[in-house]
PDB file of N, CA and C in Angstrom:
ATOM      1  N   MET A   1     -39.602   7.637 -21.816  1.00  0.00           N
ATOM      2  CA  MET A   1     -39.076   7.058 -20.591  1.00  0.00           C
ATOM      3  C   MET A   1     -37.627   7.514 -20.420  1.00  0.00           C
ATOM      4  N   ARG A   2     -37.294   7.956 -19.228  1.00  0.00           N
ATOM      5  CA  ARG A   2     -35.949   8.454 -18.948  1.00  0.00           C
ATOM      6  C   ARG A   2     -35.079   7.343 -18.366  1.00  0.00           C
ATOM      7  N   PRO A   3     -33.782   7.406 -18.632  1.00  0.00           N
ATOM      8  CA  PRO A   3     -32.895   6.381 -18.051  1.00  0.00           C
ATOM      9  C   PRO A   3     -32.866   6.485 -16.530  1.00  0.00           C
ATOM     10  N   VAL A   4     -32.810   5.328 -15.896  1.00  0.00           N
ATOM     11  CA  VAL A   4     -32.804   5.268 -14.436  1.00  0.00           C
ATOM     12  C   VAL A   4     -31.409   5.547 -13.897  1.00  0.00           C
ATOM     13  N   ARG A   5     -30.390   5.041 -14.583  1.00  0.00           N
ATOM     14  CA  ARG A   5     -29.018   5.166 -14.095  1.00  0.00           C
ATOM     15  C   ARG A   5     -28.289   6.257 -14.877  1.00  0.00           C
ATOM     16  N   LYS A   6     -28.144   7.425 -14.269  1.00  0.00           N
ATOM     17  CA  LYS A   6     -27.434   8.520 -14.931  1.00  0.00           C
ATOM     18  C   LYS A   6     -25.924   8.314 -14.899  1.00  0.00           C
ATOM     19  N   TYR A   7     -25.410   7.860 -13.785  1.00  0.00           N
ATOM     20  CA  TYR A   7     -23.967   7.826 -13.574  1.00  0.00           C
ATOM     21  C   TYR A   7     -23.388   6.426 -13.707  1.00  0.00           C
ATOM     22  N   SER A   8     -24.062   5.535 -14.388  1.00  0.00           N
ATOM     23  CA  SER A   8     -23.567   4.165 -14.491  1.00  0.00           C
ATOM     24  C   SER A   8     -22.263   4.085 -15.275  1.00  0.00           C
ATOM     25  N   ALA A   9     -22.067   4.966 -16.232  1.00  0.00           N
ATOM     26  CA  ALA A   9     -20.835   4.922 -17.024  1.00  0.00           C
ATOM     27  C   ALA A   9     -19.619   5.186 -16.144  1.00  0.00           C
ATOM     28  N   LEU A  10     -19.721   6.149 -15.239  1.00  0.00           N
ATOM     29  CA  LEU A  10     -18.612   6.457 -14.341  1.00  0.00           C
ATOM     30  C   LEU A  10     -18.344   5.299 -13.387  1.00  0.00           C
ATOM     31  N   VAL A  11     -19.404   4.710 -12.856  1.00  0.00           N
ATOM     32  CA  VAL A  11     -19.253   3.576 -11.940  1.00  0.00           C
ATOM     33  C   VAL A  11     -18.646   2.389 -12.668  1.00  0.00           C
ATOM     34  N   GLU A  12     -19.106   2.122 -13.878  1.00  0.00           N
ATOM     35  CA  GLU A  12     -18.566   1.008 -14.660  1.00  0.00           C
ATOM     36  C   GLU A  12     -17.101   1.252 -15.027  1.00  0.00           C
ATOM     37  N   LEU A  13     -16.765   2.496 -15.349  1.00  0.00           N
ATOM     38  CA  LEU A  13     -15.379   2.838 -15.666  1.00  0.00           C
ATOM     39  C   LEU A  13     -14.474   2.631 -14.455  1.00  0.00           C
ATOM     40  N   LEU A  14     -14.908   3.089 -13.295  1.00  0.00           N
ATOM     41  CA  LEU A  14     -14.126   2.917 -12.074  1.00  0.00           C
ATOM     42  C   LEU A  14     -14.002   1.439 -11.709  1.00  0.00           C
ATOM     43  N   ASP A  15     -15.082   0.685 -11.860  1.00  0.00           N
ATOM     44  CA  ASP A  15     -15.052  -0.751 -11.568  1.00  0.00           C
ATOM     45  C   ASP A  15     -14.058  -1.462 -12.481  1.00  0.00           C
ATOM     46  N   ARG A  16     -14.080  -1.120 -13.744  1.00  0.00           N
ATOM     47  CA  ARG A  16     -13.144  -1.748 -14.693  1.00  0.00           C
ATOM     48  C   ARG A  16     -11.701  -1.344 -14.393  1.00  0.00           C
ATOM     49  N   ALA A  17     -11.486  -0.075 -14.056  1.00  0.00           N
ATOM     50  CA  ALA A  17     -10.131   0.394 -13.741  1.00  0.00           C
ATOM     51  C   ALA A  17      -9.582  -0.319 -12.519  1.00  0.00           C
ATOM     52  N   LEU A  18     -10.405  -0.507 -11.492  1.00  0.00           N
ATOM     53  CA  LEU A  18      -9.940  -1.201 -10.294  1.00  0.00           C
ATOM     54  C   LEU A  18      -9.745  -2.683 -10.558  1.00  0.00           C
ATOM     55  N   ASP A  19     -10.583  -3.260 -11.423  1.00  0.00           N
ATOM     56  CA  ASP A  19     -10.484  -4.689 -11.716  1.00  0.00           C
ATOM     57  C   ASP A  19      -9.274  -5.000 -12.592  1.00  0.00           C
ATOM     58  N   LYS A  20      -9.039  -4.210 -13.619  1.00  0.00           N
ATOM     59  CA  LYS A  20      -7.941  -4.474 -14.553  1.00  0.00           C
ATOM     60  C   LYS A  20      -6.668  -3.724 -14.186  1.00  0.00           C
ATOM     61  N   GLY A  21      -6.814  -2.542 -13.598  1.00  0.00           N
ATOM     62  CA  GLY A  21      -5.659  -1.714 -13.273  1.00  0.00           C
ATOM     63  C   GLY A  21      -5.384  -0.700 -14.367  1.00  0.00           C
ATOM     64  N   VAL A  22      -4.869   0.446 -13.974  1.00  0.00           N
ATOM     65  CA  VAL A  22      -4.552   1.520 -14.910  1.00  0.00           C
ATOM     66  C   VAL A  22      -3.178   2.065 -14.543  1.00  0.00           C
ATOM     67  N   ILE A  23      -2.334   2.256 -15.543  1.00  0.00           N
ATOM     68  CA  ILE A  23      -1.026   2.867 -15.340  1.00  0.00           C
ATOM     69  C   ILE A  23      -0.988   4.145 -16.180  1.00  0.00           C
ATOM     70  N   VAL A  24      -0.640   5.248 -15.545  1.00  0.00           N
ATOM     71  CA  VAL A  24      -0.512   6.527 -16.244  1.00  0.00           C
ATOM     72  C   VAL A  24       0.922   7.006 -16.039  1.00  0.00           C
ATOM     73  N   ALA A  25       1.587   7.322 -17.135  1.00  0.00           N
ATOM     74  CA  ALA A  25       2.957   7.839 -17.060  1.00  0.00           C
ATOM     75  C   ALA A  25       3.003   9.184 -17.766  1.00  0.00           C
ATOM     76  N   ALA A  26       3.684  10.133 -17.148  1.00  0.00           N
ATOM     77  CA  ALA A  26       3.773  11.469 -17.739  1.00  0.00           C
ATOM     78  C   ALA A  26       5.139  12.069 -17.451  1.00  0.00           C
ATOM     79  N   ASP A  27       5.674  12.761 -18.428  1.00  0.00           N
ATOM     80  CA  ASP A  27       6.899  13.539 -18.266  1.00  0.00           C
ATOM     81  C   ASP A  27       6.519  15.007 -18.401  1.00  0.00           C
ATOM     82  N   VAL A  28       6.855  15.785 -17.395  1.00  0.00           N
ATOM     83  CA  VAL A  28       6.515  17.207 -17.383  1.00  0.00           C
ATOM     84  C   VAL A  28       7.806  18.006 -17.259  1.00  0.00           C
ATOM     85  N   ILE A  29       7.972  18.972 -18.131  1.00  0.00           N
ATOM     86  CA  ILE A  29       9.125  19.872 -18.058  1.00  0.00           C
ATOM     87  C   ILE A  29       8.592  21.295 -17.942  1.00  0.00           C
ATOM     88  N   ILE A  30       8.986  21.959 -16.870  1.00  0.00           N
ATOM     89  CA  ILE A  30       8.587  23.346 -16.653  1.00  0.00           C
ATOM     90  C   ILE A  30       9.755  24.222 -17.067  1.00  0.00           C
ATOM     91  N   SER A  31       9.468  25.122 -18.000  1.00  0.00           N
ATOM     92  CA  SER A  31      10.541  25.994 -18.486  1.00  0.00           C
ATOM     93  C   SER A  31      10.078  27.442 -18.506  1.00  0.00           C
ATOM     94  N   VAL A  32      11.034  28.327 -18.380  1.00  0.00           N
ATOM     95  CA  VAL A  32      10.785  29.765 -18.454  1.00  0.00           C
ATOM     96  C   VAL A  32      11.722  30.333 -19.512  1.00  0.00           C
ATOM     97  N   ALA A  33      11.158  31.044 -20.457  1.00  0.00           N
ATOM     98  CA  ALA A  33      11.925  31.659 -21.550  1.00  0.00           C
ATOM     99  C   ALA A  33      12.766  30.630 -22.299  1.00  0.00           C
ATOM    100  N   GLY A  34      12.211  29.437 -22.473  1.00  0.00           N
ATOM    101  CA  GLY A  34      12.903  28.399 -23.216  1.00  0.00           C
ATOM    102  C   GLY A  34      13.977  27.666 -22.442  1.00  0.00           C
ATOM    103  N   VAL A  35      14.134  27.970 -21.152  1.00  0.00           N
ATOM    104  CA  VAL A  35      15.141  27.307 -20.318  1.00  0.00           C
ATOM    105  C   VAL A  35      14.422  26.328 -19.393  1.00  0.00           C
ATOM    106  N   PRO A  36      14.688  25.029 -19.542  1.00  0.00           N
ATOM    107  CA  PRO A  36      14.034  24.058 -18.663  1.00  0.00           C
ATOM    108  C   PRO A  36      14.520  24.200 -17.221  1.00  0.00           C
ATOM    109  N   LEU A  37      13.584  24.362 -16.299  1.00  0.00           N
ATOM    110  CA  LEU A  37      13.933  24.543 -14.890  1.00  0.00           C
ATOM    111  C   LEU A  37      13.672  23.289 -14.065  1.00  0.00           C
ATOM    112  N   ILE A  38      12.528  22.675 -14.283  1.00  0.00           N
ATOM    113  CA  ILE A  38      12.133  21.512 -13.483  1.00  0.00           C
ATOM    114  C   ILE A  38      11.653  20.413 -14.420  1.00  0.00           C
ATOM    115  N   GLY A  39      12.134  19.220 -14.185  1.00  0.00           N
ATOM    116  CA  GLY A  39      11.670  18.060 -14.928  1.00  0.00           C
ATOM    117  C   GLY A  39      11.049  17.057 -13.978  1.00  0.00           C
ATOM    118  N   LEU A  40       9.861  16.603 -14.292  1.00  0.00           N
ATOM    119  CA  LEU A  40       9.160  15.628 -13.454  1.00  0.00           C
ATOM    120  C   LEU A  40       8.852  14.386 -14.263  1.00  0.00           C
ATOM    121  N   ASN A  41       9.064  13.248 -13.657  1.00  0.00           N
ATOM    122  CA  ASN A  41       8.691  11.978 -14.250  1.00  0.00           C
ATOM    123  C   ASN A  41       7.648  11.373 -13.323  1.00  0.00           C
ATOM    124  N   LEU A  42       6.403  11.375 -13.753  1.00  0.00           N
ATOM    125  CA  LEU A  42       5.301  10.927 -12.907  1.00  0.00           C
ATOM    126  C   LEU A  42       4.781   9.581 -13.380  1.00  0.00           C
ATOM    127  N   ARG A  43       4.519   8.714 -12.421  1.00  0.00           N
ATOM    128  CA  ARG A  43       3.910   7.420 -12.724  1.00  0.00           C
ATOM    129  C   ARG A  43       2.845   7.138 -11.688  1.00  0.00           C
ATOM    130  N   LEU A  44       1.675   6.772 -12.152  1.00  0.00           N
ATOM    131  CA  LEU A  44       0.546   6.512 -11.281  1.00  0.00           C
ATOM    132  C   LEU A  44      -0.017   5.146 -11.622  1.00  0.00           C
ATOM    133  N   GLY A  45      -0.187   4.340 -10.616  1.00  0.00           N
ATOM    134  CA  GLY A  45      -0.828   3.049 -10.786  1.00  0.00           C
ATOM    135  C   GLY A  45      -2.089   3.004  -9.957  1.00  0.00           C
ATOM    136  N   LEU A  46      -3.194   2.632 -10.567  1.00  0.00           N
ATOM    137  CA  LEU A  46      -4.469   2.552  -9.868  1.00  0.00           C
ATOM    138  C   LEU A  46      -5.057   1.174 -10.103  1.00  0.00           C
ATOM    139  N   ALA A  47      -5.259   0.442  -9.018  1.00  0.00           N
ATOM    140  CA  ALA A  47      -5.870  -0.880  -9.097  1.00  0.00           C
ATOM    141  C   ALA A  47      -6.319  -1.264  -7.702  1.00  0.00           C
ATOM    142  N   SER A  48      -7.181  -2.242  -7.623  1.00  0.00           N
ATOM    143  CA  SER A  48      -7.585  -2.735  -6.311  1.00  0.00           C
ATOM    144  C   SER A  48      -6.449  -3.573  -5.732  1.00  0.00           C
ATOM    145  N   ILE A  49      -6.446  -3.735  -4.437  1.00  0.00           N
ATOM    146  CA  ILE A  49      -5.421  -4.560  -3.786  1.00  0.00           C
ATOM    147  C   ILE A  49      -5.477  -5.979  -4.340  1.00  0.00           C
ATOM    148  N   GLU A  50      -6.675  -6.480  -4.568  1.00  0.00           N
ATOM    149  CA  GLU A  50      -6.835  -7.835  -5.108  1.00  0.00           C
ATOM    150  C   GLU A  50      -6.154  -7.964  -6.473  1.00  0.00           C
ATOM    151  N   THR A  51      -6.323  -6.978  -7.334  1.00  0.00           N
ATOM    152  CA  THR A  51      -5.698  -6.991  -8.658  1.00  0.00           C
ATOM    153  C   THR A  51      -4.188  -6.899  -8.545  1.00  0.00           C
ATOM    154  N   MET A  52      -3.694  -6.033  -7.662  1.00  0.00           N
ATOM    155  CA  MET A  52      -2.247  -5.897  -7.497  1.00  0.00           C
ATOM    156  C   MET A  52      -1.631  -7.194  -6.986  1.00  0.00           C
ATOM    157  N   LEU A  53      -2.300  -7.854  -6.057  1.00  0.00           N
ATOM    158  CA  LEU A  53      -1.780  -9.123  -5.550  1.00  0.00           C
ATOM    159  C   LEU A  53      -1.803 -10.191  -6.638  1.00  0.00           C
ATOM    160  N   LYS A  54      -2.828 -10.153  -7.492  1.00  0.00           N
ATOM    161  CA  LYS A  54      -2.931 -11.127  -8.579  1.00  0.00           C
ATOM    162  C   LYS A  54      -1.753 -10.996  -9.539  1.00  0.00           C
ATOM    163  N   TYR A  55      -1.281  -9.776  -9.771  1.00  0.00           N
ATOM    164  CA  TYR A  55      -0.156  -9.538 -10.677  1.00  0.00           C
ATOM    165  C   TYR A  55       1.188  -9.524  -9.962  1.00  0.00           C
ATOM    166  N   GLY A  56       1.212  -9.865  -8.677  1.00  0.00           N
ATOM    167  CA  GLY A  56       2.466  -9.978  -7.946  1.00  0.00           C
ATOM    168  C   GLY A  56       3.006  -8.672  -7.408  1.00  0.00           C
ATOM    169  N   MET A  57       2.185  -7.660  -7.375  1.00  0.00           N
ATOM    170  CA  MET A  57       2.612  -6.368  -6.837  1.00  0.00           C
ATOM    171  C   MET A  57       2.141  -6.257  -5.398  1.00  0.00           C
ATOM    172  N   MET A  58       2.922  -5.613  -4.572  1.00  0.00           N
ATOM    173  CA  MET A  58       2.559  -5.310  -3.190  1.00  0.00           C
ATOM    174  C   MET A  58       2.394  -6.556  -2.318  1.00  0.00           C
ATOM    175  N   ASN A  59       3.000  -7.678  -2.697  1.00  0.00           N
ATOM    176  CA  ASN A  59       2.905  -8.885  -1.875  1.00  0.00           C
ATOM    177  C   ASN A  59       3.546  -8.677  -0.510  1.00  0.00           C
ATOM    178  N   ASP A  60       4.719  -8.029  -0.486  1.00  0.00           N
ATOM    179  CA  ASP A  60       5.401  -7.779   0.784  1.00  0.00           C
ATOM    180  C   ASP A  60       4.589  -6.846   1.665  1.00  0.00           C
ATOM    181  N   TRP A  61       3.993  -5.820   1.064  1.00  0.00           N
ATOM    182  CA  TRP A  61       3.169  -4.876   1.819  1.00  0.00           C
ATOM    183  C   TRP A  61       1.971  -5.596   2.431  1.00  0.00           C
ATOM    184  N   ASP A  62       1.332  -6.468   1.662  1.00  0.00           N
ATOM    185  CA  ASP A  62       0.155  -7.178   2.160  1.00  0.00           C
ATOM    186  C   ASP A  62       0.530  -8.114   3.301  1.00  0.00           C
ATOM    187  N   ALA A  63       1.635  -8.839   3.158  1.00  0.00           N
ATOM    188  CA  ALA A  63       2.062  -9.756   4.218  1.00  0.00           C
ATOM    189  C   ALA A  63       2.412  -8.988   5.489  1.00  0.00           C
ATOM    190  N   ALA A  64       3.101  -7.865   5.346  1.00  0.00           N
ATOM    191  CA  ALA A  64       3.458  -7.053   6.518  1.00  0.00           C
ATOM    192  C   ALA A  64       2.209  -6.487   7.180  1.00  0.00           C
ATOM    193  N   ASN A  65       1.272  -6.033   6.385  1.00  0.00           N
ATOM    194  CA  ASN A  65       0.026  -5.482   6.920  1.00  0.00           C
ATOM    195  C   ASN A  65      -0.758  -6.541   7.689  1.00  0.00           C
ATOM    196  N   GLN A  66      -0.828  -7.744   7.136  1.00  0.00           N
ATOM    197  CA  GLN A  66      -1.556  -8.822   7.803  1.00  0.00           C
ATOM    198  C   GLN A  66      -0.875  -9.216   9.107  1.00  0.00           C
ATOM    199  N   SER A  67       0.456  -9.244   9.129  1.00  0.00           N
ATOM    200  CA  SER A  67       1.144  -9.621  10.368  1.00  0.00           C
ATOM    201  C   SER A  67       0.951  -8.557  11.441  1.00  0.00           C
ATOM    202  N   ILE A  68       0.927  -7.281  11.058  1.00  0.00           N
ATOM    203  CA  ILE A  68       0.671  -6.210  12.030  1.00  0.00           C
ATOM    204  C   ILE A  68      -0.729  -6.350  12.606  1.00  0.00           C
ATOM    205  N   GLU A  69      -1.697  -6.652  11.755  1.00  0.00           N
ATOM    206  CA  GLU A  69      -3.076  -6.830  12.227  1.00  0.00           C
ATOM    207  C   GLU A  69      -3.174  -8.011  13.189  1.00  0.00           C
ATOM    208  N   LYS A  70      -2.454  -9.092  12.905  1.00  0.00           N
ATOM    209  CA  LYS A  70      -2.483 -10.257  13.799  1.00  0.00           C
ATOM    210  C   LYS A  70      -1.890  -9.910  15.158  1.00  0.00           C
ATOM    211  N   ILE A  71      -0.782  -9.160  15.154  1.00  0.00           N
ATOM    212  CA  ILE A  71      -0.151  -8.758  16.418  1.00  0.00           C
ATOM    213  C   ILE A  71      -1.084  -7.852  17.203  1.00  0.00           C
ATOM    214  N   ASP A  72      -1.682  -6.861  16.533  1.00  0.00           N
ATOM    215  CA  ASP A  72      -2.620  -5.951  17.202  1.00  0.00           C
ATOM    216  C   ASP A  72      -3.804  -6.713  17.776  1.00  0.00           C
ATOM    217  N   HIS A  73      -4.317  -7.665  17.009  1.00  0.00           N
ATOM    218  CA  HIS A  73      -5.457  -8.459  17.470  1.00  0.00           C
ATOM    219  C   HIS A  73      -5.069  -9.291  18.693  1.00  0.00           C
ATOM    220  N   SER A  74      -3.880  -9.887  18.663  1.00  0.00           N
ATOM    221  CA  SER A  74      -3.415 -10.687  19.802  1.00  0.00           C
ATOM    222  C   SER A  74      -3.244  -9.820  21.043  1.00  0.00           C
ATOM    223  N   GLU A  75      -2.696  -8.621  20.865  1.00  0.00           N
ATOM    224  CA  GLU A  75      -2.518  -7.713  22.004  1.00  0.00           C
ATOM    225  C   GLU A  75      -3.860  -7.281  22.582  1.00  0.00           C
ATOM    226  N   ARG A  76      -4.852  -7.065  21.723  1.00  0.00           N
ATOM    227  CA  ARG A  76      -6.178  -6.688  22.213  1.00  0.00           C
ATOM    228  C   ARG A  76      -6.812  -7.818  23.010  1.00  0.00           C
ATOM    229  N   ILE A  77      -6.625  -9.043  22.552  1.00  0.00           N
ATOM    230  CA  ILE A  77      -7.191 -10.195  23.267  1.00  0.00           C
ATOM    231  C   ILE A  77      -6.544 -10.318  24.638  1.00  0.00           C
ATOM    232  N   VAL A  78      -5.217 -10.164  24.700  1.00  0.00           N
ATOM    233  CA  VAL A  78      -4.506 -10.263  25.976  1.00  0.00           C
ATOM    234  C   VAL A  78      -4.960  -9.156  26.921  1.00  0.00           C
ATOM    235  N   SER A  79      -5.100  -7.931  26.414  1.00  0.00           N
ATOM    236  CA  SER A  79      -5.509  -6.823  27.290  1.00  0.00           C
ATOM    237  C   SER A  79      -6.958  -6.971  27.742  1.00  0.00           C
ATOM    238  N   GLU A  80      -7.809  -7.567  26.924  1.00  0.00           N
ATOM    239  CA  GLU A  80      -9.202  -7.785  27.322  1.00  0.00           C
ATOM    240  C   GLU A  80      -9.305  -8.857  28.405  1.00  0.00           C
ATOM    241  N   LYS A  81      -8.406  -9.832  28.358  1.00  0.00           N
ATOM    242  CA  LYS A  81      -8.413 -10.886  29.376  1.00  0.00           C
ATOM    243  C   LYS A  81      -7.795 -10.401  30.677  1.00  0.00           C
ATOM    244  N   GLY A  82      -7.123  -9.265  30.611  1.00  0.00           N
ATOM    245  CA  GLY A  82      -6.526  -8.704  31.822  1.00  0.00           C
ATOM    246  C   GLY A  82      -5.153  -9.244  32.125  1.00  0.00           C
ATOM    247  N   GLY A  83      -4.475  -9.776  31.132  1.00  0.00           N
ATOM    248  CA  GLY A  83      -3.156 -10.350  31.363  1.00  0.00           C
ATOM    249  C   GLY A  83      -2.149  -9.550  30.750  1.00  0.00           C
TER     250      GLY A  83
END
């Protein structure tokens, strides 16, 4: 009997990463002939909006986004009523 779910590991990994959150930090130095030319400090955060809000991240962004949606919705209602 063959397994039914081939890609379940990838889906489960992505689900866990979005649920718990993942932070990746990397320092990259590009050099030529032993002379450093470019230095990069990279940081990547991956999580669902729900997880970020739970940990207190992006609260201002979420509030601003919701207020913009409320204004847009109100303007659509007014324009539909013809006022």
